[in-house]
Amino acid sequence: AEDGPRQRAANAVVGLVKRGGVPGAVLGLLAVAAGVAIAIAVDSAIVSVAVGVVLTVSIAAVLLAVA
């Protein structure tokens, strides 16, 4: 069974928490909220996945820069 978008988002948040602590958790939650809002606005699974990937990569870059 393939993970749904919510599961992938949850896994991403957990990963950010493990790597970035509280700031990582906050950034992860903001990214998920933004991704959900954009997905609802656009109503497109492909766009929501692309947005999620971009947000995850950009947040990871920020965390690496801070770390």
Protein backbone atom coordinates (compact mmCIF):
# COMPACT_ATOMS: atom_id res chain seq x y z
CA ALA A 1 0.00 0.00 0.00
CA GLU A 2 1.37 3.37 -1.05
CA ASP A 3 1.53 6.11 1.55
CA GLY A 4 -0.95 8.93 1.06
CA PRO A 5 -0.01 12.61 1.01
CA ARG A 6 -0.96 13.00 4.67
CA GLN A 7 1.33 10.13 5.69
CA ARG A 8 4.20 11.54 3.63
CA ALA A 9 3.66 14.95 5.20
CA ALA A 10 3.61 13.44 8.68
CA ASN A 11 6.81 11.51 7.95
CA ALA A 12 8.44 14.71 6.69
CA VAL A 13 7.48 16.55 9.88
CA VAL A 14 8.83 13.72 12.04
CA GLY A 15 12.08 13.79 10.08
CA LEU A 16 12.37 17.56 10.52
CA VAL A 17 11.73 17.27 14.25
CA LYS A 18 14.47 14.65 14.58
CA ARG A 19 16.92 16.81 12.62
CA GLY A 20 15.92 20.31 13.65
CA GLY A 21 14.27 20.04 17.06
CA VAL A 22 11.53 22.56 17.84
CA PRO A 23 12.38 24.97 14.99
CA GLY A 24 12.26 22.01 12.61
CA ALA A 25 8.87 21.01 13.96
CA VAL A 26 7.50 24.53 13.52
CA LEU A 27 8.87 24.81 9.99
CA GLY A 28 7.52 21.36 9.16
CA LEU A 29 4.03 22.21 10.39
CA LEU A 30 4.07 25.51 8.48
CA ALA A 31 5.16 23.69 5.33
CA VAL A 32 2.40 21.10 5.70
CA ALA A 33 -0.20 23.82 6.33
CA ALA A 34 0.99 25.78 3.30
CA GLY A 35 1.01 22.66 1.15
CA VAL A 36 -2.52 21.74 2.22
CA ALA A 37 -3.79 25.28 1.61
CA ILE A 38 -2.23 25.37 -1.86
CA ALA A 39 -3.51 21.88 -2.67
CA ILE A 40 -7.04 22.89 -1.70
CA ALA A 41 -6.80 26.11 -3.68
CA VAL A 42 -5.46 24.39 -6.79
CA ASP A 43 -7.27 21.07 -6.25
CA SER A 44 -4.55 19.14 -8.03
CA ALA A 45 -2.66 16.17 -6.61
CA ILE A 46 0.32 16.69 -8.92
CA VAL A 47 0.68 20.33 -7.91
CA SER A 48 0.34 19.52 -4.22
CA VAL A 49 3.06 16.86 -4.46
CA ALA A 50 5.35 19.25 -6.33
CA VAL A 51 4.73 21.99 -3.77
CA GLY A 52 5.41 19.54 -0.94
CA VAL A 53 8.72 18.51 -2.50
CA VAL A 54 9.78 22.13 -3.02
CA LEU A 55 8.84 23.09 0.54
CA THR A 56 10.59 20.06 2.00
CA VAL A 57 13.78 20.76 0.05
CA SER A 58 13.77 24.46 0.93
CA ILE A 59 13.16 23.77 4.63
CA ALA A 60 15.90 21.14 4.65
CA ALA A 61 18.25 23.70 3.10
CA VAL A 62 17.34 26.23 5.80
CA LEU A 63 17.90 23.67 8.56
CA LEU A 64 21.26 22.68 7.10
CA ALA A 65 22.27 26.33 6.89
CA VAL A 66 21.27 26.92 10.52
CA ALA A 67 22.81 23.69 11.84
